[in-house]
Each structure stands twice: as structure tokens, then as C-alpha cells.
Protein backbone atom coordinates (compact mmCIF):
# COMPACT_ATOMS: atom_id res chain seq x y z
CA MET A 1 -31.23 -27.87 11.85
CA PRO A 2 -31.01 -24.06 12.26
CA GLN A 3 -34.22 -22.21 11.51
CA VAL A 4 -34.74 -18.59 10.49
CA ILE A 5 -36.28 -16.81 13.47
CA LEU A 6 -39.04 -14.28 12.90
CA PRO A 7 -37.75 -10.67 12.91
CA HIS A 8 -37.70 -9.03 16.32
CA GLU A 9 -36.30 -5.79 17.66
CA ASN A 10 -33.57 -7.64 19.55
CA ASN A 11 -33.08 -10.34 16.95
CA PRO A 12 -33.23 -8.68 13.50
CA LEU A 13 -32.71 -10.59 10.30
CA VAL A 14 -29.16 -10.37 8.90
CA SER A 15 -28.60 -10.93 5.19
CA VAL A 16 -25.19 -12.26 4.17
CA GLY A 17 -24.42 -11.84 0.47
CA MET A 18 -21.67 -14.06 -0.91
CA PRO A 19 -20.75 -13.58 -4.58
CA THR A 20 -18.63 -16.52 -5.73
CA TYR A 21 -16.91 -17.76 -8.88
CA ASN A 22 -14.74 -20.86 -9.40
CA ARG A 23 -13.29 -20.96 -5.87
CA PRO A 24 -14.75 -24.15 -4.36
CA ASP A 25 -12.21 -24.55 -1.54
CA GLY A 26 -12.66 -21.00 -0.29
CA LEU A 27 -16.43 -21.19 -0.72
CA LYS A 28 -16.64 -24.37 1.35
CA ARG A 29 -14.51 -22.93 4.16
CA ALA A 30 -16.24 -19.53 4.27
CA LEU A 31 -19.80 -20.81 3.98
CA GLY A 32 -19.15 -23.42 6.64
CA GLN A 33 -17.94 -20.75 9.06
CA LEU A 34 -20.89 -18.50 8.33
CA ILE A 35 -23.44 -21.23 8.92
CA ALA A 36 -21.76 -21.99 12.26
CA GLN A 37 -22.29 -18.41 13.51
CA SER A 38 -23.75 -18.22 17.01
CA TYR A 39 -26.26 -15.64 15.76
CA GLN A 40 -29.03 -17.62 14.12
CA ASN A 41 -31.43 -15.26 12.34
CA ILE A 42 -29.51 -15.07 9.07
CA GLU A 43 -30.22 -15.61 5.41
CA PHE A 44 -27.24 -16.63 3.27
CA LEU A 45 -27.48 -15.40 -0.33
CA VAL A 46 -24.86 -17.29 -2.34
CA SER A 47 -24.69 -16.02 -5.92
CA ASP A 48 -22.68 -18.21 -8.28
CA ASN A 49 -21.44 -16.11 -11.19
CA CYS A 50 -21.83 -18.94 -13.70
CA SER A 51 -18.86 -20.95 -12.41
CA THR A 52 -17.34 -23.47 -14.80
CA LEU A 53 -16.20 -25.76 -11.98
CA PRO A 54 -19.01 -28.21 -11.04
CA GLU A 55 -17.71 -28.37 -7.44
CA VAL A 56 -19.07 -24.88 -6.78
CA SER A 57 -22.66 -25.88 -7.52
CA GLN A 58 -22.27 -29.10 -5.55
CA ILE A 59 -20.98 -27.31 -2.45
CA ILE A 60 -23.82 -24.77 -2.45
CA SER A 61 -26.42 -27.50 -3.02
CA ASP A 62 -24.98 -29.60 -0.19
CA TYR A 63 -25.14 -26.73 2.28
CA GLN A 64 -28.63 -25.79 1.09
CA SER A 65 -29.86 -29.32 1.73
CA LYS A 66 -28.53 -29.15 5.30
CA ASP A 67 -29.58 -25.60 6.15
CA PRO A 68 -32.73 -23.90 4.79
CA ARG A 69 -31.18 -20.49 5.47
CA VAL A 70 -28.90 -20.98 2.43
CA ILE A 71 -30.42 -19.43 -0.70
CA TYR A 72 -28.78 -20.57 -3.93
CA LEU A 73 -28.71 -17.83 -6.59
CA LYS A 74 -27.19 -18.80 -9.93
CA GLN A 75 -26.39 -16.36 -12.71
CA THR A 76 -27.28 -17.68 -16.15
CA ILE A 77 -24.38 -15.83 -17.79
CA HIS A 78 -21.10 -14.59 -16.38
CA ILE A 79 -21.51 -10.94 -15.35
CA PRO A 80 -19.04 -8.30 -14.11
CA ALA A 81 -18.15 -8.93 -10.47
CA TYR A 82 -19.67 -5.65 -9.27
CA LEU A 83 -23.08 -6.66 -10.67
CA ASN A 84 -22.92 -9.83 -8.61
CA PHE A 85 -22.13 -7.76 -5.51
CA GLN A 86 -25.11 -5.55 -6.28
CA TYR A 87 -27.34 -8.55 -6.94
CA VAL A 88 -26.95 -10.10 -3.48
CA LEU A 89 -27.73 -6.71 -1.91
CA LYS A 90 -30.79 -6.33 -4.12
CA MET A 91 -32.08 -9.75 -3.09
CA ALA A 92 -31.48 -9.18 0.64
CA LYS A 93 -34.41 -8.79 3.06
CA GLY A 94 -32.57 -8.25 6.32
CA THR A 95 -32.41 -5.21 8.56
CA TYR A 96 -28.64 -5.61 8.35
CA PHE A 97 -26.48 -6.72 5.46
CA MET A 98 -22.89 -7.82 4.94
CA TRP A 99 -20.89 -9.00 1.97
CA ALA A 100 -18.78 -12.10 2.48
CA ALA A 101 -15.78 -12.86 0.30
CA ASP A 102 -14.99 -16.54 -0.04
CA ASP A 103 -11.34 -16.08 0.91
CA ASP A 104 -11.98 -14.46 4.31
CA GLU A 105 -12.73 -16.02 7.69
CA ARG A 106 -14.83 -14.97 10.67
CA ASP A 107 -14.98 -15.84 14.36
CA GLU A 108 -18.14 -17.76 15.32
CA HIS A 109 -19.43 -14.75 17.28
CA PHE A 110 -18.62 -12.16 14.59
CA ILE A 111 -22.20 -11.43 13.46
CA LYS A 112 -23.64 -11.63 16.98
CA THR A 113 -21.07 -9.14 18.28
CA CYS A 114 -21.68 -6.74 15.39
CA VAL A 115 -25.47 -6.83 15.77
CA GLU A 116 -25.23 -6.22 19.52
CA ASN A 117 -22.90 -3.24 19.11
CA ILE A 118 -23.95 -1.43 15.93
CA GLY A 119 -26.50 0.80 17.66
CA ASN A 120 -27.67 3.59 15.34
CA HIS A 121 -24.52 3.53 13.22
CA THR A 122 -24.59 2.75 9.51
CA SER A 123 -21.74 0.24 9.77
CA ILE A 124 -19.66 -1.72 12.25
CA MET A 125 -16.50 -3.80 11.94
CA THR A 126 -14.10 -5.59 14.25
CA SER A 127 -10.35 -5.58 14.33
CA SER A 128 -8.69 -8.03 11.94
CA VAL A 129 -5.63 -10.08 11.13
CA ILE A 130 -4.17 -10.99 7.74
CA LYS A 131 -3.49 -14.68 7.18
CA TYR A 132 -1.08 -15.73 4.43
CA ARG A 133 -2.22 -19.29 3.88
CA ARG A 134 0.82 -20.61 2.03
CA SER A 135 3.10 -19.87 4.96
CA ASP A 136 0.52 -19.67 7.79
CA ARG A 137 1.97 -16.25 8.61
CA ILE A 138 -0.46 -14.02 10.49
CA VAL A 139 -0.08 -10.25 10.94
CA LYS A 140 -2.37 -7.67 12.47
CA ALA A 141 -4.25 -5.55 9.94
CA LYS A 142 -4.08 -1.78 10.20
CA ILE A 143 -7.15 -0.12 11.63
CA PRO A 144 -7.89 3.60 11.98
CA LYS A 145 -8.64 5.10 15.39
CA PHE A 146 -12.24 6.24 15.35
CA LYS A 147 -13.89 8.49 17.90
CA SER A 148 -17.32 7.36 19.01
CA ASN A 149 -19.53 9.90 17.22
CA ASN A 150 -17.21 12.38 15.52
CA GLN A 151 -17.75 11.96 11.78
CA TYR A 152 -15.14 14.54 10.80
CA GLN A 153 -12.39 13.03 12.93
CA ASN A 154 -13.31 9.51 11.84
CA LEU A 155 -13.20 10.39 8.16
CA TYR A 156 -9.86 12.16 8.64
CA ALA A 157 -8.52 9.10 10.50
CA HIS A 158 -9.65 6.75 7.72
CA LEU A 159 -8.08 8.91 5.02
CA GLN A 160 -4.83 8.68 6.98
CA LYS A 161 -5.06 4.90 7.35
CA MET A 162 -7.38 3.58 4.66
CA SER A 163 -8.62 0.09 5.49
CA PRO A 164 -10.56 -1.46 2.59
CA TYR A 165 -11.44 -4.58 4.57
CA LEU A 166 -13.95 -2.53 6.59
CA PHE A 167 -16.17 -2.95 3.51
CA TYR A 168 -16.89 -6.50 4.76
CA GLY A 169 -18.36 -5.35 8.06
CA LEU A 170 -22.04 -5.29 8.99
CA HIS A 171 -24.16 -2.48 7.53
CA ARG A 172 -27.65 -1.14 8.02
CA ARG A 173 -29.20 -2.23 4.72
CA GLU A 174 -31.38 0.83 4.15
CA ASP A 175 -28.32 3.08 4.49
CA ILE A 176 -26.39 1.37 1.67
CA LEU A 177 -29.09 0.88 -0.97
CA TRP A 178 -27.40 3.68 -2.95
CA VAL A 179 -24.90 1.00 -4.05
CA LEU A 180 -27.62 -0.42 -6.31
CA GLU A 181 -27.52 2.80 -8.34
CA MET A 182 -23.83 2.44 -9.18
CA THR A 183 -23.14 1.75 -12.86
CA GLU A 184 -19.66 0.44 -12.14
CA PHE A 185 -17.26 -0.17 -9.29
CA TYR A 186 -13.84 1.44 -9.52
CA ASP A 187 -10.50 0.93 -7.79
CA TRP A 188 -10.84 1.81 -4.09
CA PHE A 189 -14.61 1.90 -4.30
CA ASP A 190 -14.55 0.00 -1.01
CA VAL A 191 -12.68 2.93 0.59
CA TYR A 192 -15.20 5.41 -0.82
CA PHE A 193 -18.01 3.20 0.48
CA ILE A 194 -16.54 3.33 3.99
CA ASN A 195 -16.02 7.09 3.80
CA ARG A 196 -19.61 7.61 2.71
CA ASN A 197 -20.92 5.43 5.54
CA ILE A 198 -18.86 7.44 8.04
CA LEU A 199 -20.73 10.55 6.88
CA THR A 200 -24.14 8.86 6.85
CA ASN A 201 -24.81 7.67 10.40
CA GLY A 202 -21.27 6.81 11.36
CA PHE A 203 -18.96 3.78 11.28
CA LYS A 204 -18.23 2.00 14.55
CA LEU A 205 -15.07 -0.03 15.12
CA LEU A 206 -14.42 -2.69 17.75
CA PRO A 207 -10.61 -2.54 18.06
CA ASP A 208 -10.36 -5.01 20.96
CA TYR A 209 -12.05 -7.91 19.19
CA ASN A 210 -10.24 -9.72 16.35
CA GLY A 211 -13.31 -11.26 14.78
CA PHE A 212 -12.27 -11.14 11.14
CA THR A 213 -9.44 -12.72 9.14
CA ILE A 214 -8.37 -11.39 5.76
CA GLY A 215 -7.32 -14.40 3.74
CA VAL A 216 -4.43 -14.11 1.28
CA ASP A 217 -3.78 -17.25 -0.75
CA ALA A 218 -0.48 -15.92 -2.15
CA GLU A 219 2.81 -15.85 -0.23
CA LYS A 220 2.59 -12.09 0.13
CA TYR A 221 0.54 -9.13 -1.01
CA ILE A 222 1.65 -8.05 -4.47
CA VAL A 223 1.48 -4.33 -5.24
CA LYS A 224 -0.42 -3.98 -8.50
CA PRO A 225 1.10 -1.22 -10.68
CA CYS A 226 -1.01 0.69 -13.13
CA ASN A 227 -0.19 -0.66 -16.60
CA ASN A 228 -3.78 0.15 -17.56
CA ARG A 229 -5.05 -1.93 -14.62
CA LEU A 230 -5.32 0.61 -11.81
CA GLU A 231 -7.39 3.75 -12.30
CA TYR A 232 -7.07 6.43 -9.65
CA MET A 233 -9.17 9.41 -10.62
CA SER A 234 -12.67 7.95 -10.19
CA PHE A 235 -11.98 7.36 -6.52
CA GLY A 236 -10.29 10.74 -6.19
CA ARG A 237 -13.12 12.71 -7.78
CA ASN A 238 -15.91 10.86 -5.95
CA ASN A 239 -14.14 11.18 -2.64
CA LEU A 240 -13.67 14.93 -3.08
CA ASN A 241 -17.30 15.35 -4.15
CA LEU A 242 -18.40 13.44 -1.06
CA ILE A 243 -16.45 15.82 1.16
CA LEU A 244 -17.29 19.07 -0.59
CA HIS A 245 -21.03 18.40 -0.86
CA SER A 246 -21.55 17.02 2.64
CA ASP A 247 -23.97 18.96 4.85
CA ARG A 248 -22.39 17.41 7.94
CA LEU A 249 -19.08 19.24 7.60
CA ASN A 250 -18.25 22.91 8.02
CA ILE A 251 -16.00 24.83 5.63
CA LEU A 252 -12.83 24.36 7.70
CA GLN A 253 -13.44 20.63 8.03
CA LYS A 254 -14.00 20.36 4.29
CA ALA A 255 -10.72 22.17 3.62
CA ALA A 256 -8.80 19.89 5.98
CA LEU A 257 -10.37 16.74 4.54
CA THR A 258 -9.72 17.88 0.96
CA TYR A 259 -6.05 18.36 1.79
CA ARG A 260 -5.92 14.99 3.54
CA SER A 261 -7.69 13.29 0.63
CA LEU A 262 -5.22 14.69 -1.91
CA LYS A 263 -2.32 13.51 0.25
CA SER A 264 -3.85 10.05 0.35
CA MET A 265 -4.22 10.03 -3.43
CA LEU A 266 -0.57 11.03 -3.74
CA ARG A 267 0.41 8.16 -1.49
CA LEU A 268 -1.65 5.68 -3.52
CA VAL A 269 -0.05 6.67 -6.81
CA SER A 270 3.47 6.75 -5.36
CA HIS A 271 3.06 3.36 -3.67
CA HIS A 272 1.44 1.44 -6.49
CA GLU A 273 3.47 2.93 -9.30
CA LYS A 274 6.68 2.80 -7.24
CA ILE A 275 7.59 6.37 -8.10
CA HIS A 276 8.66 9.41 -6.08
CA LYS A 277 5.87 11.56 -4.66
CA ILE A 278 6.96 14.55 -6.75
CA LYS A 279 6.44 12.58 -9.95
CA ALA A 280 3.15 11.25 -8.59
CA ALA A 281 2.04 14.82 -7.87
CA VAL A 282 2.79 15.83 -11.48
CA TYR A 283 0.68 12.91 -12.72
CA LEU A 284 -2.22 13.88 -10.49
CA LEU A 285 -2.09 17.55 -11.47
CA LYS A 286 -2.16 16.64 -15.15
CA LYS A 287 -5.15 14.36 -14.72
CA LEU A 288 -7.03 16.83 -12.57
CA LYS A 289 -6.43 19.49 -15.19
CA THR A 290 -7.46 17.37 -18.17
CA GLY A 291 -10.25 15.49 -16.39
CA ASN A 292 -8.89 12.23 -17.75
CA GLY A 293 -9.88 9.30 -15.56
CA ALA A 294 -6.79 7.11 -15.99
CA LEU A 295 -3.12 7.64 -15.34
């Protein structure tokens, strides 16, 4: 039976936070893979958001009985998903932390490789593939090209090729405790989170190691149009504030990143609303002018 090893400089404790709700099959698969990680000094914080399916509780209890590293956290009432994400971070004790979605998969050496390579960076993530489970189709996920220690170039690269799945990499816990102060998560918060980590102590990518699988249970990714479901301006405003108030960027870099950020916002609106970029630009200008948060 795996045992939690005492913290050591070369073997730090890793906290894995897994919020879950009514997805027993995914939970069983994901938790099983995490427990089988070759890196051993891990605590698994599984927070059940008051699931109505009894299988969820049974699966967590079964794994807990087999592995003392599994910590069963059960919400007494159903809470917004972002609060459950915050909760597992709040309860974590590790030097490093990662969120784990119950529809994703990881290679058995994923955590070990990340711990060994993170160095002084805030975050680290491997390359990834997307697996469409209904058809077993697998495609390579897009990944930005990061320079080793150039925060400006890395942020510019991520704004060009935004990769939300990097949110599920390994992070230095003390660098991301600001997430606990958030009063809500908004659309593309994961992208903002990555951008902020790039400007903290950097975000390292391992492009030659496909250690992570993004699981999609549908036949294909469905673009979600607005219809009062997608809200763009919170991400836009926070991203611009991040750039403009950073003390790690000079004035020319801030100007270039502001331009790049606005172009990315334009692309988001055009893509998700399925409209021409000129019309998307008019929408954005109106919202920026009025300060209204929704399109």
C-alpha cells in the first residue's frame, strides 16, 4: 500500500485537487490513474459536490480504503463549481498543487516528470492530445512555443495560441493562492490564470512529452455561442489589467501585448458567435465604451 513520504527537498509533497460531481465513470478512471502515478508523495483531495448518484461516494470510499493518500471531502450542499475548485486548493498542504478534472487522463510518469522539471517556475505542463472517446479519435492539442525564461515572449505566444488545458498542469502552490480571493470564475478564467502565472515566475512547457490527455466524451467539440451563456468582457478587462499593471514589462511590451490581447478577444467573439470579425469588433467597442460585462 502506497504511503505518504515525509517532505524532502527532492521529494516534495504534491497535492492533487479533484472536484467531482455525478460522473462516476470518469472519476473511477481518473482517480485510478492518479493513484498509479510513479511519483509517490501525493495527497489526493477528492471533493464531491453533493452528488446525487450513490456510485460517486462508493468509488471514493473504495479508493480511500485501499490508499490512505486519498482524502474524501464531501460538500453538504451543492455549491458553484468554482467554489469547489477553490476548496481543494484551500485544503491542500503540498509544495506543489494541481487540479485534476475527472474526464482527463495522465501518463503514469506525469507528476514525476513535472516535479523534476519545474525548477523555479510557477507552473509546468506537458504536451497533450485530445481523445474523443465515442470514436476513439485522437488529435494533438495545440501548444504555444515558449522561450525558456522570456516572460514577454511567452505571454505573447500564449495570447496567439491560447491553450486552456495548461490550467491542469503542476503549479507552485504558494504562487497561486490568489485564486482563493476570487469571488467568481468567468469564461476563460483558465487562460487568465495561465497568463498570470507566466508573469509571476514563468510557465514551463515540455513539448516533447505527451503526458496529458484531454478527454472529450462527445463526438466532437461543440462551439458554445453566447445566448447569455458566454461572457467575454471579464476576461478581456482582467487580462488587460494584468498586462498594463505588470512591473515585469516595459512600455513597448505592454503596448504590443495589449494589441495582441485585443486581437485574441476579437477572435474569441468571432469564433464563438460565428460572425465576421468586423461585426465582432463593433460588439467589443460598444462593450468597452459602456463597460457592460456581457455581449
